[in-house]
Amino acid sequence: MSILVVGGHTRSVGKTSVVAGLIAALPAYHWTALKITQYGHGICSANGAPCDCVTADHSLAVTEEKDRSGDTDTSRFLLAGADQSYWIRTQQGQLAEAMPRIRKILSTAQNAIIESNSILRFLKPDLYLTVLDPQTEDFKPSAQTFLDRADAILIHSTEIPHNSKWTNVSLKPVTNRPTFTIRPPKYVTLEVVEFVRSSLIPY
């Protein structure tokens, strides 16, 4: 089994589009797709709504997606061709609590593609891609922590460090890593697909 992780420096930079694009481009891998979301304090992991609860049943939720309409991120994974799709939600900093459930899902997967940065604390994937957009200022601590583990960079622009909105962020850890320019709405290019294919265990 191959495990591919797609991360990024913040929300809304195209991570979900990259995952869906790779699923569609590499159907022979029969992907099991996972999206991991960590909510901050005051947000319920069961449904993402404001919540003051601290009970165990509200700190972790795992949902298997069945809808193929494409209306949610995990639904987009099914629409792209994933065999299975799961949404894992935990409170911030409590992903460890979800790992037994995640490992059980992975144990039955032919190949897995995971949208997350923080999962790298608990497993070593066969390939880790990170999506960067220099025009989006926020840079999550988890993205900075694992930047040096990226096998390749998918970037919205090659104009780095020029015109970047980032402050106190160094890309030196990935200076010599393969870099692919991506643009919406087609986030996954043939070059990205071939890089992924050549880096994973043959299906």
N, C-alpha and C. Protein backbone atom coordinates (compact mmCIF):
# COMPACT_ATOMS: atom_id res chain seq x y z
N MET A 1 0.83 -1.20 0.00
CA MET A 1 0.00 0.00 0.00
C MET A 1 0.86 1.25 0.00
N SER A 2 0.46 2.24 -0.77
CA SER A 2 1.10 3.54 -0.76
C SER A 2 0.24 4.53 0.00
N ILE A 3 0.90 5.42 0.75
CA ILE A 3 0.20 6.50 1.44
C ILE A 3 0.74 7.82 0.92
N LEU A 4 -0.16 8.65 0.40
CA LEU A 4 0.17 9.96 -0.12
C LEU A 4 -0.50 11.01 0.75
N VAL A 5 0.27 11.96 1.25
CA VAL A 5 -0.27 13.04 2.08
C VAL A 5 -0.14 14.36 1.31
N VAL A 6 -1.23 15.11 1.30
CA VAL A 6 -1.25 16.44 0.68
C VAL A 6 -1.54 17.45 1.78
N GLY A 7 -0.61 18.36 2.00
CA GLY A 7 -0.79 19.41 2.99
C GLY A 7 -0.70 20.77 2.33
N GLY A 8 -0.69 21.79 3.15
CA GLY A 8 -0.60 23.15 2.64
C GLY A 8 -0.43 24.11 3.79
N HIS A 9 -0.09 25.36 3.48
CA HIS A 9 0.25 26.27 4.56
C HIS A 9 -0.95 26.89 5.25
N THR A 10 -2.14 26.77 4.67
CA THR A 10 -3.35 27.28 5.31
C THR A 10 -4.57 26.79 4.55
N ARG A 11 -5.73 27.32 4.91
CA ARG A 11 -6.97 26.93 4.23
C ARG A 11 -7.06 27.60 2.86
N SER A 12 -7.88 27.01 2.02
CA SER A 12 -8.28 27.62 0.73
C SER A 12 -7.11 27.90 -0.19
N VAL A 13 -6.11 27.00 -0.21
CA VAL A 13 -5.00 27.15 -1.15
C VAL A 13 -5.04 26.07 -2.23
N GLY A 14 -6.04 25.20 -2.18
CA GLY A 14 -6.19 24.19 -3.23
C GLY A 14 -5.87 22.77 -2.83
N LYS A 15 -5.72 22.50 -1.54
CA LYS A 15 -5.37 21.13 -1.10
C LYS A 15 -6.42 20.12 -1.55
N THR A 16 -7.69 20.44 -1.32
CA THR A 16 -8.76 19.52 -1.70
C THR A 16 -8.80 19.31 -3.20
N SER A 17 -8.56 20.37 -3.96
CA SER A 17 -8.54 20.25 -5.42
C SER A 17 -7.38 19.38 -5.89
N VAL A 18 -6.25 19.47 -5.22
CA VAL A 18 -5.10 18.62 -5.56
C VAL A 18 -5.43 17.16 -5.27
N VAL A 19 -6.00 16.90 -4.10
CA VAL A 19 -6.37 15.53 -3.75
C VAL A 19 -7.35 14.97 -4.77
N ALA A 20 -8.42 15.71 -5.06
CA ALA A 20 -9.42 15.24 -6.03
C ALA A 20 -8.80 15.05 -7.41
N GLY A 21 -7.91 15.95 -7.79
CA GLY A 21 -7.27 15.84 -9.10
C GLY A 21 -6.39 14.61 -9.22
N LEU A 22 -5.68 14.29 -8.16
CA LEU A 22 -4.82 13.11 -8.19
C LEU A 22 -5.64 11.83 -8.17
N ILE A 23 -6.74 11.82 -7.42
CA ILE A 23 -7.63 10.66 -7.42
C ILE A 23 -8.15 10.41 -8.84
N ALA A 24 -8.58 11.47 -9.50
CA ALA A 24 -9.13 11.34 -10.85
C ALA A 24 -8.07 10.92 -11.86
N ALA A 25 -6.84 11.41 -11.68
CA ALA A 25 -5.78 11.13 -12.64
C ALA A 25 -5.16 9.74 -12.45
N LEU A 26 -5.31 9.18 -11.25
CA LEU A 26 -4.68 7.89 -10.95
C LEU A 26 -5.71 6.90 -10.40
N PRO A 27 -6.74 6.57 -11.18
CA PRO A 27 -7.82 5.71 -10.67
C PRO A 27 -7.37 4.29 -10.35
N ALA A 28 -6.31 3.82 -10.98
CA ALA A 28 -5.88 2.44 -10.77
C ALA A 28 -5.39 2.19 -9.35
N TYR A 29 -5.14 3.27 -8.59
CA TYR A 29 -4.70 3.10 -7.21
C TYR A 29 -5.85 2.80 -6.25
N HIS A 30 -7.09 2.91 -6.71
CA HIS A 30 -8.25 2.59 -5.86
C HIS A 30 -8.12 3.26 -4.49
N TRP A 31 -8.09 4.59 -4.52
CA TRP A 31 -7.79 5.37 -3.32
C TRP A 31 -8.86 5.26 -2.24
N THR A 32 -8.39 5.20 -1.01
CA THR A 32 -9.19 5.54 0.15
C THR A 32 -8.74 6.93 0.55
N ALA A 33 -9.67 7.89 0.56
CA ALA A 33 -9.32 9.28 0.81
C ALA A 33 -9.76 9.70 2.21
N LEU A 34 -8.89 10.45 2.89
CA LEU A 34 -9.20 10.96 4.22
C LEU A 34 -8.94 12.46 4.26
N LYS A 35 -9.87 13.18 4.83
CA LYS A 35 -9.68 14.60 5.11
C LYS A 35 -9.68 14.77 6.62
N ILE A 36 -8.64 15.39 7.15
CA ILE A 36 -8.51 15.57 8.59
C ILE A 36 -8.67 17.04 8.93
N THR A 37 -9.60 17.33 9.83
CA THR A 37 -9.86 18.70 10.26
C THR A 37 -9.70 18.77 11.76
N GLN A 38 -8.92 19.75 12.24
CA GLN A 38 -8.79 19.97 13.68
C GLN A 38 -9.43 21.31 14.02
N TYR A 39 -10.42 21.27 14.90
CA TYR A 39 -11.14 22.47 15.29
C TYR A 39 -10.52 23.10 16.53
N GLY A 40 -10.63 24.41 16.61
CA GLY A 40 -10.16 25.13 17.78
C GLY A 40 -11.12 25.01 18.94
N HIS A 41 -10.73 25.56 20.08
CA HIS A 41 -11.57 25.52 21.28
C HIS A 41 -12.91 26.18 21.00
N GLY A 42 -13.98 25.53 21.50
CA GLY A 42 -15.31 26.10 21.34
C GLY A 42 -16.04 25.64 20.11
N ILE A 43 -15.42 24.75 19.32
CA ILE A 43 -16.05 24.19 18.13
C ILE A 43 -16.20 22.69 18.32
N CYS A 44 -17.38 22.18 18.07
CA CYS A 44 -17.66 20.76 18.27
C CYS A 44 -17.13 19.93 17.11
N SER A 45 -16.38 18.88 17.43
CA SER A 45 -15.85 18.02 16.38
C SER A 45 -16.93 17.17 15.74
N ALA A 46 -18.04 16.98 16.44
CA ALA A 46 -19.10 16.14 15.89
C ALA A 46 -19.77 16.78 14.68
N ASN A 47 -19.95 18.11 14.74
CA ASN A 47 -20.67 18.75 13.64
C ASN A 47 -20.09 20.09 13.21
N GLY A 48 -18.98 20.53 13.83
CA GLY A 48 -18.34 21.78 13.43
C GLY A 48 -19.06 23.03 13.89
N ALA A 49 -20.04 22.87 14.77
CA ALA A 49 -20.80 24.02 15.25
C ALA A 49 -20.21 24.55 16.56
N PRO A 50 -20.47 25.81 16.91
CA PRO A 50 -20.02 26.34 18.19
C PRO A 50 -20.53 25.46 19.33
N CYS A 51 -19.68 25.19 20.30
CA CYS A 51 -20.03 24.23 21.33
C CYS A 51 -19.15 24.47 22.55
N ASP A 52 -19.74 24.36 23.74
CA ASP A 52 -18.98 24.51 24.97
C ASP A 52 -18.66 23.17 25.61
N CYS A 53 -19.01 22.09 24.93
CA CYS A 53 -18.83 20.77 25.52
C CYS A 53 -17.36 20.36 25.52
N VAL A 54 -17.00 19.52 26.47
CA VAL A 54 -15.65 18.97 26.52
C VAL A 54 -15.72 17.46 26.68
N THR A 55 -16.87 16.88 26.38
CA THR A 55 -17.04 15.45 26.55
C THR A 55 -16.33 14.68 25.45
N ALA A 56 -15.99 13.45 25.75
CA ALA A 56 -15.19 12.65 24.81
C ALA A 56 -15.89 12.44 23.49
N ASP A 57 -17.23 12.30 23.52
CA ASP A 57 -17.94 12.03 22.27
C ASP A 57 -18.02 13.24 21.35
N HIS A 58 -17.66 14.42 21.87
CA HIS A 58 -17.65 15.62 21.04
C HIS A 58 -16.24 16.06 20.65
N SER A 59 -15.23 15.31 21.06
CA SER A 59 -13.86 15.68 20.73
C SER A 59 -13.32 14.95 19.52
N LEU A 60 -14.07 13.95 19.04
CA LEU A 60 -13.63 13.15 17.91
C LEU A 60 -14.83 12.67 17.12
N ALA A 61 -14.75 12.79 15.81
CA ALA A 61 -15.81 12.26 14.94
C ALA A 61 -15.18 11.74 13.66
N VAL A 62 -15.63 10.57 13.23
CA VAL A 62 -15.17 9.97 11.98
C VAL A 62 -16.41 9.61 11.17
N THR A 63 -16.50 10.17 9.97
CA THR A 63 -17.67 9.94 9.13
C THR A 63 -17.23 9.39 7.78
N GLU A 64 -17.85 8.29 7.36
CA GLU A 64 -17.62 7.81 6.01
C GLU A 64 -18.59 8.51 5.07
N GLU A 65 -18.05 9.13 4.04
CA GLU A 65 -18.88 9.85 3.06
C GLU A 65 -19.55 8.85 2.11
N LYS A 66 -20.82 9.07 1.86
CA LYS A 66 -21.57 8.23 0.92
C LYS A 66 -22.12 9.03 -0.25
N ASP A 67 -22.18 10.35 -0.09
CA ASP A 67 -22.77 11.22 -1.10
C ASP A 67 -21.76 11.50 -2.21
N ARG A 68 -22.15 11.31 -3.45
CA ARG A 68 -21.27 11.54 -4.59
C ARG A 68 -21.65 12.80 -5.38
N SER A 69 -22.35 13.72 -4.72
CA SER A 69 -22.79 14.93 -5.42
C SER A 69 -21.67 15.93 -5.62
N GLY A 70 -20.62 15.85 -4.81
CA GLY A 70 -19.53 16.80 -4.90
C GLY A 70 -19.77 18.06 -4.10
N ASP A 71 -20.79 18.05 -3.23
CA ASP A 71 -21.14 19.25 -2.46
C ASP A 71 -20.22 19.50 -1.27
N THR A 72 -19.51 18.49 -0.82
CA THR A 72 -18.55 18.63 0.28
C THR A 72 -17.18 18.16 -0.20
N ASP A 73 -16.16 18.46 0.58
CA ASP A 73 -14.81 18.05 0.18
C ASP A 73 -14.71 16.54 0.07
N THR A 74 -15.22 15.81 1.06
CA THR A 74 -15.12 14.36 1.01
C THR A 74 -16.01 13.77 -0.09
N SER A 75 -17.09 14.47 -0.41
CA SER A 75 -17.92 14.05 -1.53
C SER A 75 -17.19 14.26 -2.85
N ARG A 76 -16.43 15.33 -2.93
CA ARG A 76 -15.63 15.57 -4.13
C ARG A 76 -14.63 14.44 -4.37
N PHE A 77 -14.11 13.86 -3.28
CA PHE A 77 -13.17 12.74 -3.44
C PHE A 77 -13.87 11.54 -4.06
N LEU A 78 -15.09 11.26 -3.61
CA LEU A 78 -15.85 10.15 -4.21
C LEU A 78 -16.19 10.45 -5.66
N LEU A 79 -16.60 11.68 -5.92
CA LEU A 79 -16.95 12.08 -7.28
C LEU A 79 -15.75 11.94 -8.22
N ALA A 80 -14.54 12.17 -7.68
CA ALA A 80 -13.32 12.05 -8.48
C ALA A 80 -12.94 10.60 -8.73
N GLY A 81 -13.53 9.68 -7.95
CA GLY A 81 -13.26 8.27 -8.20
C GLY A 81 -12.71 7.48 -7.04
N ALA A 82 -12.62 8.08 -5.84
CA ALA A 82 -12.12 7.34 -4.68
C ALA A 82 -13.04 6.17 -4.36
N ASP A 83 -12.45 5.06 -3.93
CA ASP A 83 -13.26 3.91 -3.51
C ASP A 83 -14.03 4.22 -2.23
N GLN A 84 -13.35 4.91 -1.31
CA GLN A 84 -13.96 5.30 -0.04
C GLN A 84 -13.45 6.69 0.34
N SER A 85 -14.23 7.39 1.15
CA SER A 85 -13.84 8.72 1.58
C SER A 85 -14.30 8.94 3.02
N TYR A 86 -13.42 9.49 3.84
CA TYR A 86 -13.71 9.70 5.25
C TYR A 86 -13.35 11.12 5.67
N TRP A 87 -14.15 11.66 6.60
CA TRP A 87 -13.85 12.95 7.21
C TRP A 87 -13.58 12.71 8.69
N ILE A 88 -12.37 13.02 9.13
CA ILE A 88 -11.96 12.87 10.52
C ILE A 88 -11.88 14.24 11.15
N ARG A 89 -12.62 14.46 12.24
CA ARG A 89 -12.59 15.74 12.95
C ARG A 89 -12.17 15.53 14.38
N THR A 90 -11.23 16.34 14.84
CA THR A 90 -10.81 16.31 16.24
C THR A 90 -10.67 17.73 16.76
N GLN A 91 -10.58 17.86 18.06
CA GLN A 91 -10.22 19.14 18.63
C GLN A 91 -8.75 19.39 18.38
N GLN A 92 -8.38 20.66 18.30
CA GLN A 92 -7.00 21.04 18.02
C GLN A 92 -6.05 20.37 18.99
N GLY A 93 -5.01 19.73 18.44
CA GLY A 93 -4.01 19.10 19.27
C GLY A 93 -4.37 17.72 19.77
N GLN A 94 -5.51 17.18 19.34
CA GLN A 94 -5.95 15.87 19.83
C GLN A 94 -6.05 14.83 18.72
N LEU A 95 -5.27 15.00 17.67
CA LEU A 95 -5.31 14.05 16.57
C LEU A 95 -4.87 12.66 17.02
N ALA A 96 -4.04 12.58 18.04
CA ALA A 96 -3.60 11.27 18.55
C ALA A 96 -4.79 10.39 18.93
N GLU A 97 -5.86 11.04 19.43
CA GLU A 97 -7.04 10.28 19.84
C GLU A 97 -7.70 9.60 18.64
N ALA A 98 -7.52 10.17 17.47
CA ALA A 98 -8.15 9.61 16.27
C ALA A 98 -7.30 8.55 15.59
N MET A 99 -6.04 8.43 15.96
CA MET A 99 -5.14 7.54 15.23
C MET A 99 -5.56 6.08 15.22
N PRO A 100 -6.10 5.52 16.30
CA PRO A 100 -6.55 4.12 16.20
C PRO A 100 -7.62 3.94 15.12
N ARG A 101 -8.54 4.90 15.01
CA ARG A 101 -9.58 4.81 13.98
C ARG A 101 -8.97 4.98 12.59
N ILE A 102 -8.03 5.91 12.47
CA ILE A 102 -7.37 6.15 11.18
C ILE A 102 -6.58 4.92 10.75
N ARG A 103 -5.85 4.33 11.68
CA ARG A 103 -5.05 3.14 11.33
C ARG A 103 -5.95 1.96 10.94
N LYS A 104 -7.11 1.87 11.53
CA LYS A 104 -8.05 0.81 11.16
C LYS A 104 -8.53 1.02 9.73
N ILE A 105 -8.83 2.27 9.37
CA ILE A 105 -9.24 2.58 8.00
C ILE A 105 -8.11 2.24 7.03
N LEU A 106 -6.90 2.64 7.37
CA LEU A 106 -5.76 2.41 6.49
C LEU A 106 -5.46 0.91 6.33
N SER A 107 -5.77 0.12 7.35
CA SER A 107 -5.45 -1.31 7.30
C SER A 107 -6.23 -2.05 6.22
N THR A 108 -7.35 -1.47 5.78
CA THR A 108 -8.15 -2.13 4.74
C THR A 108 -8.06 -1.41 3.39
N ALA A 109 -7.26 -0.35 3.33
CA ALA A 109 -7.16 0.43 2.09
C ALA A 109 -6.16 -0.20 1.13
N GLN A 110 -6.47 -0.10 -0.16
CA GLN A 110 -5.50 -0.53 -1.16
C GLN A 110 -4.39 0.50 -1.27
N ASN A 111 -4.76 1.78 -1.34
CA ASN A 111 -3.84 2.91 -1.28
C ASN A 111 -4.60 4.06 -0.63
N ALA A 112 -3.88 4.96 0.04
CA ALA A 112 -4.54 6.03 0.77
C ALA A 112 -3.98 7.39 0.38
N ILE A 113 -4.88 8.37 0.31
CA ILE A 113 -4.49 9.76 0.07
C ILE A 113 -5.13 10.58 1.18
N ILE A 114 -4.32 11.37 1.89
CA ILE A 114 -4.77 12.05 3.10
C ILE A 114 -4.52 13.54 2.98
N GLU A 115 -5.56 14.34 3.21
CA GLU A 115 -5.41 15.79 3.23
C GLU A 115 -5.15 16.23 4.67
N SER A 116 -3.91 16.58 4.96
CA SER A 116 -3.54 16.95 6.32
C SER A 116 -2.07 17.32 6.36
N ASN A 117 -1.68 18.14 7.34
CA ASN A 117 -0.27 18.31 7.69
C ASN A 117 0.04 17.52 8.95
N SER A 118 -0.85 17.63 9.94
CA SER A 118 -0.58 17.10 11.27
C SER A 118 -0.46 15.59 11.32
N ILE A 119 -1.02 14.88 10.32
CA ILE A 119 -0.91 13.43 10.31
C ILE A 119 0.55 13.00 10.27
N LEU A 120 1.44 13.89 9.81
CA LEU A 120 2.86 13.56 9.74
C LEU A 120 3.49 13.36 11.11
N ARG A 121 2.82 13.78 12.15
CA ARG A 121 3.30 13.52 13.51
C ARG A 121 3.20 12.04 13.86
N PHE A 122 2.34 11.32 13.15
CA PHE A 122 2.01 9.97 13.56
C PHE A 122 2.31 8.89 12.53
N LEU A 123 2.57 9.28 11.29
CA LEU A 123 2.93 8.28 10.29
C LEU A 123 3.86 8.89 9.25
N LYS A 124 4.60 8.02 8.60
CA LYS A 124 5.53 8.45 7.55
C LYS A 124 4.96 8.00 6.21
N PRO A 125 4.46 8.93 5.43
CA PRO A 125 3.88 8.55 4.14
C PRO A 125 4.95 8.21 3.11
N ASP A 126 4.53 7.60 2.03
CA ASP A 126 5.45 7.34 0.93
C ASP A 126 5.77 8.63 0.17
N LEU A 127 4.83 9.59 0.24
CA LEU A 127 5.02 10.85 -0.47
C LEU A 127 4.23 11.94 0.24
N TYR A 128 4.88 13.10 0.41
CA TYR A 128 4.21 14.25 1.02
C TYR A 128 4.37 15.45 0.10
N LEU A 129 3.23 15.98 -0.35
CA LEU A 129 3.20 17.17 -1.19
C LEU A 129 2.64 18.33 -0.37
N THR A 130 3.22 19.51 -0.50
CA THR A 130 2.67 20.67 0.18
C THR A 130 2.30 21.74 -0.83
N VAL A 131 1.13 22.34 -0.63
CA VAL A 131 0.59 23.34 -1.53
C VAL A 131 0.83 24.72 -0.93
N LEU A 132 1.45 25.61 -1.70
CA LEU A 132 1.78 26.94 -1.21
C LEU A 132 1.22 28.01 -2.14
N ASP A 133 0.69 29.06 -1.53
CA ASP A 133 0.20 30.22 -2.27
C ASP A 133 0.80 31.48 -1.66
N PRO A 134 1.80 32.08 -2.31
CA PRO A 134 2.48 33.25 -1.74
C PRO A 134 1.56 34.45 -1.52
N GLN A 135 0.39 34.45 -2.16
CA GLN A 135 -0.53 35.57 -1.99
C GLN A 135 -1.52 35.36 -0.85
N THR A 136 -1.40 34.25 -0.15
CA THR A 136 -2.22 33.99 1.04
C THR A 136 -1.32 34.06 2.25
N GLU A 137 -1.57 35.03 3.10
CA GLU A 137 -0.61 35.40 4.15
C GLU A 137 -0.43 34.35 5.24
N ASP A 138 -1.51 33.76 5.70
CA ASP A 138 -1.44 32.85 6.84
C ASP A 138 -0.55 31.65 6.54
N PHE A 139 0.29 31.28 7.50
CA PHE A 139 1.17 30.11 7.35
C PHE A 139 1.09 29.34 8.66
N LYS A 140 0.34 28.25 8.66
CA LYS A 140 0.10 27.49 9.89
C LYS A 140 1.40 26.96 10.49
N PRO A 141 1.47 26.92 11.82
CA PRO A 141 2.64 26.34 12.47
C PRO A 141 2.91 24.90 12.04
N SER A 142 1.83 24.11 11.83
CA SER A 142 2.03 22.72 11.41
C SER A 142 2.68 22.64 10.04
N ALA A 143 2.33 23.58 9.15
CA ALA A 143 2.93 23.60 7.82
C ALA A 143 4.40 23.95 7.90
N GLN A 144 4.75 24.88 8.79
CA GLN A 144 6.16 25.24 8.96
C GLN A 144 6.94 24.08 9.57
N THR A 145 6.31 23.40 10.53
CA THR A 145 6.98 22.30 11.22
C THR A 145 7.39 21.19 10.26
N PHE A 146 6.52 20.88 9.31
CA PHE A 146 6.76 19.74 8.43
C PHE A 146 7.23 20.13 7.03
N LEU A 147 7.54 21.40 6.84
CA LEU A 147 7.95 21.85 5.52
C LEU A 147 9.15 21.09 5.00
N ASP A 148 10.10 20.80 5.88
CA ASP A 148 11.32 20.12 5.44
C ASP A 148 11.08 18.66 5.06
N ARG A 149 9.90 18.13 5.36
CA ARG A 149 9.58 16.75 4.99
C ARG A 149 8.88 16.65 3.63
N ALA A 150 8.59 17.79 3.04
CA ALA A 150 7.90 17.78 1.75
C ALA A 150 8.79 17.17 0.67
N ASP A 151 8.23 16.25 -0.10
CA ASP A 151 8.96 15.65 -1.22
C ASP A 151 8.87 16.52 -2.45
N ALA A 152 7.85 17.38 -2.52
CA ALA A 152 7.70 18.30 -3.64
C ALA A 152 6.80 19.44 -3.22
N ILE A 153 6.96 20.57 -3.92
CA ILE A 153 6.19 21.77 -3.65
C ILE A 153 5.26 22.03 -4.83
N LEU A 154 3.99 22.27 -4.54
CA LEU A 154 3.02 22.70 -5.55
C LEU A 154 2.70 24.16 -5.23
N ILE A 155 3.12 25.05 -6.10
CA ILE A 155 3.05 26.47 -5.77
C ILE A 155 2.24 27.26 -6.78
N HIS A 156 1.49 28.21 -6.31
CA HIS A 156 0.63 29.01 -7.16
C HIS A 156 1.41 30.01 -8.00
N SER A 157 2.64 30.26 -7.63
CA SER A 157 3.45 31.22 -8.36
C SER A 157 4.91 30.88 -8.16
N THR A 158 5.72 31.19 -9.17
CA THR A 158 7.16 30.95 -9.04
C THR A 158 7.88 32.20 -8.54
N GLU A 159 7.14 33.23 -8.23
CA GLU A 159 7.74 34.50 -7.83
C GLU A 159 8.04 34.55 -6.34
N ILE A 160 8.83 33.62 -5.90
CA ILE A 160 9.23 33.61 -4.50
C ILE A 160 10.72 33.92 -4.43
N PRO A 161 11.17 34.79 -3.49
CA PRO A 161 10.36 35.41 -2.43
C PRO A 161 9.68 36.70 -2.87
N HIS A 162 9.79 37.10 -4.13
CA HIS A 162 9.19 38.35 -4.59
C HIS A 162 7.67 38.28 -4.51
N ASN A 163 7.07 39.40 -4.10
CA ASN A 163 5.62 39.54 -4.04
C ASN A 163 4.94 38.55 -3.09
N SER A 164 5.69 37.99 -2.16
CA SER A 164 5.10 37.09 -1.19
C SER A 164 4.55 37.88 0.00
N LYS A 165 3.41 37.42 0.54
CA LYS A 165 2.81 38.06 1.70
C LYS A 165 3.27 37.42 3.01
N TRP A 166 4.14 36.41 2.92
CA TRP A 166 4.60 35.74 4.13
C TRP A 166 5.63 36.57 4.86
N THR A 167 5.59 36.49 6.18
CA THR A 167 6.61 37.10 7.02
C THR A 167 7.17 36.05 7.96
N ASN A 168 8.46 36.11 8.20
CA ASN A 168 9.13 35.17 9.10
C ASN A 168 8.94 33.71 8.67
N VAL A 169 8.88 33.50 7.38
CA VAL A 169 8.76 32.14 6.84
C VAL A 169 9.94 31.90 5.90
N SER A 170 10.70 30.86 6.18
CA SER A 170 11.84 30.52 5.34
C SER A 170 11.54 29.27 4.53
N LEU A 171 11.83 29.34 3.23
CA LEU A 171 11.64 28.18 2.35
C LEU A 171 12.96 27.46 2.09
N LYS A 172 13.99 27.80 2.86
CA LYS A 172 15.29 27.14 2.69
C LYS A 172 15.21 25.63 2.83
N PRO A 173 14.36 25.09 3.74
CA PRO A 173 14.30 23.62 3.87
C PRO A 173 13.89 22.89 2.59
N VAL A 174 13.26 23.60 1.66
CA VAL A 174 12.78 22.93 0.44
C VAL A 174 13.39 23.53 -0.82
N THR A 175 14.51 24.20 -0.66
CA THR A 175 15.13 24.89 -1.80
C THR A 175 15.39 23.96 -2.97
N ASN A 176 15.83 22.73 -2.68
CA ASN A 176 16.21 21.81 -3.75
C ASN A 176 15.15 20.75 -4.05
N ARG A 177 13.96 20.92 -3.54
CA ARG A 177 12.90 19.95 -3.81
C ARG A 177 12.22 20.24 -5.14
N PRO A 178 11.69 19.22 -5.80
CA PRO A 178 10.94 19.46 -7.03
C PRO A 178 9.80 20.44 -6.79
N THR A 179 9.63 21.38 -7.70
CA THR A 179 8.61 22.41 -7.55
C THR A 179 7.76 22.46 -8.81
N PHE A 180 6.45 22.45 -8.62
CA PHE A 180 5.51 22.46 -9.74
C PHE A 180 4.58 23.65 -9.59
N THR A 181 4.45 24.43 -10.66
CA THR A 181 3.53 25.56 -10.65
C THR A 181 2.12 25.07 -10.94
N ILE A 182 1.17 25.51 -10.11
CA ILE A 182 -0.22 25.11 -10.28
C ILE A 182 -1.09 26.36 -10.37
N ARG A 183 -2.21 26.24 -11.07
CA ARG A 183 -3.13 27.36 -11.21
C ARG A 183 -4.56 26.82 -11.20
N PRO A 184 -5.45 27.52 -10.51
CA PRO A 184 -6.85 27.11 -10.56
C PRO A 184 -7.44 27.41 -11.93
N PRO A 185 -8.45 26.67 -12.35
CA PRO A 185 -9.09 25.60 -11.60
C PRO A 185 -8.41 24.24 -11.76
N LYS A 186 -7.42 24.13 -12.64
CA LYS A 186 -6.74 22.84 -12.86
C LYS A 186 -5.47 22.82 -12.01
N TYR A 187 -5.61 22.29 -10.82
CA TYR A 187 -4.50 22.31 -9.88
C TYR A 187 -3.47 21.21 -10.14
N VAL A 188 -3.90 20.14 -10.81
CA VAL A 188 -3.02 18.99 -11.01
C VAL A 188 -2.61 18.92 -12.48
N THR A 189 -1.32 19.12 -12.72
CA THR A 189 -0.80 19.06 -14.08
C THR A 189 -0.29 17.66 -14.40
N LEU A 190 -0.01 17.42 -15.67
CA LEU A 190 0.55 16.13 -16.06
C LEU A 190 1.88 15.87 -15.38
N GLU A 191 2.66 16.95 -15.17
CA GLU A 191 3.97 16.80 -14.51
C GLU A 191 3.79 16.35 -13.06
N VAL A 192 2.80 16.89 -12.39
CA VAL A 192 2.53 16.48 -11.01
C VAL A 192 2.10 15.02 -10.97
N VAL A 193 1.21 14.64 -11.88
CA VAL A 193 0.72 13.26 -11.93
C VAL A 193 1.88 12.29 -12.16
N GLU A 194 2.75 12.61 -13.10
CA GLU A 194 3.87 11.71 -13.39
C GLU A 194 4.85 11.64 -12.22
N PHE A 195 5.05 12.75 -11.53
CA PHE A 195 5.92 12.74 -10.35
C PHE A 195 5.35 11.82 -9.28
N VAL A 196 4.05 11.93 -9.03
CA VAL A 196 3.40 11.09 -8.03
C VAL A 196 3.47 9.62 -8.44
N ARG A 197 3.13 9.36 -9.69
CA ARG A 197 3.14 7.98 -10.18
C ARG A 197 4.52 7.35 -10.03
N SER A 198 5.55 8.10 -10.37
CA SER A 198 6.92 7.56 -10.31
C SER A 198 7.43 7.42 -8.88
N SER A 199 6.79 8.10 -7.93
CA SER A 199 7.26 8.10 -6.55
C SER A 199 6.57 7.06 -5.68
N LEU A 200 5.43 6.53 -6.15
CA LEU A 200 4.67 5.58 -5.36
C LEU A 200 4.95 4.15 -5.79
N ILE A 201 4.58 3.23 -4.91
CA ILE A 201 4.66 1.82 -5.25
C ILE A 201 3.69 1.54 -6.40
N PRO A 202 4.13 0.83 -7.43
CA PRO A 202 3.21 0.55 -8.55
C PRO A 202 1.95 -0.15 -8.04
N TYR A 203 0.81 0.24 -8.60
CA TYR A 203 -0.45 -0.36 -8.14
C TYR A 203 -0.57 -1.78 -8.60
